[in-house]
């Protein structure tokens, strides 16, 4: 729960940096990049932690039929995501007025 509160806080900071940039504060670009990197690092750790817990729980709680069905669903979802044009995700986020990070 603390981790989710941190995520909300970082998102609020990102939003504020965007608004500051739109208001003419050029330093907000660097602030945005630093906050985005903190958010990225936090999410990687958070997802790894949840994955390790959830997979261990699934292994302990689910019978073989349920595990097989879960794997089929996860595999299907993964294939659908690879086949679909990416309309979401951090790489497709475009912030009006923000310079590209080339």
Protein backbone atom coordinates (compact mmCIF):
# COMPACT_ATOMS: atom_id res chain seq x y z
CA UNK A 1 0.00 0.00 0.00
CA UNK A 2 2.90 2.36 0.73
CA UNK A 3 4.29 1.54 -2.69
CA UNK A 4 1.03 2.51 -4.38
CA UNK A 5 1.02 5.78 -2.45
CA UNK A 6 4.56 6.44 -3.69
CA UNK A 7 3.42 5.74 -7.26
CA UNK A 8 0.58 8.24 -6.93
CA UNK A 9 2.99 10.81 -5.50
CA UNK A 10 5.48 10.33 -8.35
CA UNK A 11 2.69 10.63 -10.92
CA UNK A 12 1.59 13.87 -9.29
CA UNK A 13 5.18 15.15 -9.44
CA UNK A 14 5.39 14.22 -13.13
CA UNK A 15 2.16 16.06 -13.83
CA UNK A 16 3.43 19.12 -11.98
CA UNK A 17 6.68 19.08 -13.97
CA UNK A 18 4.68 19.02 -17.22
CA UNK A 19 2.56 21.95 -16.08
CA UNK A 20 5.67 23.88 -15.02
CA UNK A 21 7.23 23.28 -18.42
CA UNK A 22 4.08 24.43 -20.18
CA UNK A 23 4.21 27.57 -18.05
CA UNK A 24 7.66 28.38 -19.38
CA UNK A 25 9.97 26.74 -16.85
CA UNK A 26 12.63 25.06 -19.02
CA UNK A 27 14.22 23.46 -15.93
CA UNK A 28 11.09 21.34 -15.59
CA UNK A 29 12.32 19.07 -18.40
CA UNK A 30 15.25 17.85 -16.31
CA UNK A 31 12.99 17.50 -13.28
CA UNK A 32 10.54 15.44 -15.35
CA UNK A 33 13.34 13.14 -16.54
CA UNK A 34 14.62 12.62 -12.99
CA UNK A 35 11.15 11.85 -11.61
CA UNK A 36 10.37 9.55 -14.54
CA UNK A 37 13.58 7.64 -13.87
CA UNK A 38 12.70 7.29 -10.17
CA UNK A 39 9.23 6.07 -11.18
CA UNK A 40 10.75 3.56 -13.63
CA UNK A 41 13.14 2.21 -11.01
CA UNK A 42 10.36 1.95 -8.44
CA UNK A 43 8.00 0.15 -10.84
CA UNK A 44 10.62 -2.41 -11.85
CA UNK A 45 11.21 -3.31 -8.21
CA UNK A 46 7.51 -3.24 -7.39
CA UNK A 47 6.56 -5.50 -10.30
CA UNK A 48 9.38 -7.95 -9.54
CA UNK A 49 8.27 -8.12 -5.91
CA UNK A 50 4.62 -8.70 -6.84
CA UNK A 51 5.58 -11.27 -9.49
CA UNK A 52 7.68 -13.28 -7.07
CA UNK A 53 4.91 -13.29 -4.48
CA UNK A 54 2.08 -14.00 -6.88
CA UNK A 55 3.85 -16.81 -8.71
CA UNK A 56 4.83 -18.46 -5.44
CA UNK A 57 1.25 -18.18 -4.17
CA UNK A 58 -0.11 -19.57 -7.44
CA UNK A 59 2.30 -22.48 -7.27
CA UNK A 60 1.17 -23.29 -3.72
CA UNK A 61 -2.57 -22.74 -4.19
CA UNK A 62 -3.49 -23.82 -7.71
CA UNK A 63 -3.89 -27.36 -8.94
CA UNK A 64 -2.26 -28.48 -12.21
CA UNK A 65 -5.38 -27.80 -14.32
CA UNK A 66 -5.68 -24.24 -13.00
CA UNK A 67 -1.95 -23.60 -13.56
CA UNK A 68 -2.20 -24.88 -17.14
CA UNK A 69 -5.21 -22.65 -17.84
CA UNK A 70 -3.42 -19.67 -16.32
CA UNK A 71 -0.37 -20.30 -18.51
CA UNK A 72 -2.56 -20.57 -21.63
CA UNK A 73 -4.23 -17.25 -20.76
CA UNK A 74 -0.92 -15.52 -20.03
CA UNK A 75 0.59 -16.84 -23.25
CA UNK A 76 -2.44 -15.71 -25.27
CA UNK A 77 -2.33 -12.25 -23.69
CA UNK A 78 1.38 -11.96 -24.45
CA UNK A 79 0.84 -12.93 -28.10
CA UNK A 80 -2.06 -10.47 -28.46
CA UNK A 81 0.05 -7.66 -27.00
CA UNK A 82 2.89 -8.42 -29.43
CA UNK A 83 0.51 -8.48 -32.41
CA UNK A 84 -1.40 -5.32 -31.46
CA UNK A 85 -0.15 -1.87 -32.43
CA UNK A 86 1.13 -0.21 -29.28
CA UNK A 87 -1.27 2.57 -28.44
CA UNK A 88 -0.34 2.64 -24.78
CA UNK A 89 2.76 2.30 -22.68
CA UNK A 90 5.43 4.75 -21.67
CA UNK A 91 7.11 4.79 -25.09
CA UNK A 92 3.97 6.13 -26.76
CA UNK A 93 3.29 8.89 -24.26
CA UNK A 94 3.42 12.24 -25.99
CA UNK A 95 3.40 15.33 -23.88
CA UNK A 96 2.33 18.41 -25.77
CA UNK A 97 5.11 20.95 -25.71
CA UNK A 98 7.74 18.58 -24.32
CA UNK A 99 10.89 18.13 -26.41
CA UNK A 100 11.65 14.64 -27.66
CA UNK A 101 14.38 12.72 -25.84
CA UNK A 102 16.55 11.94 -28.87
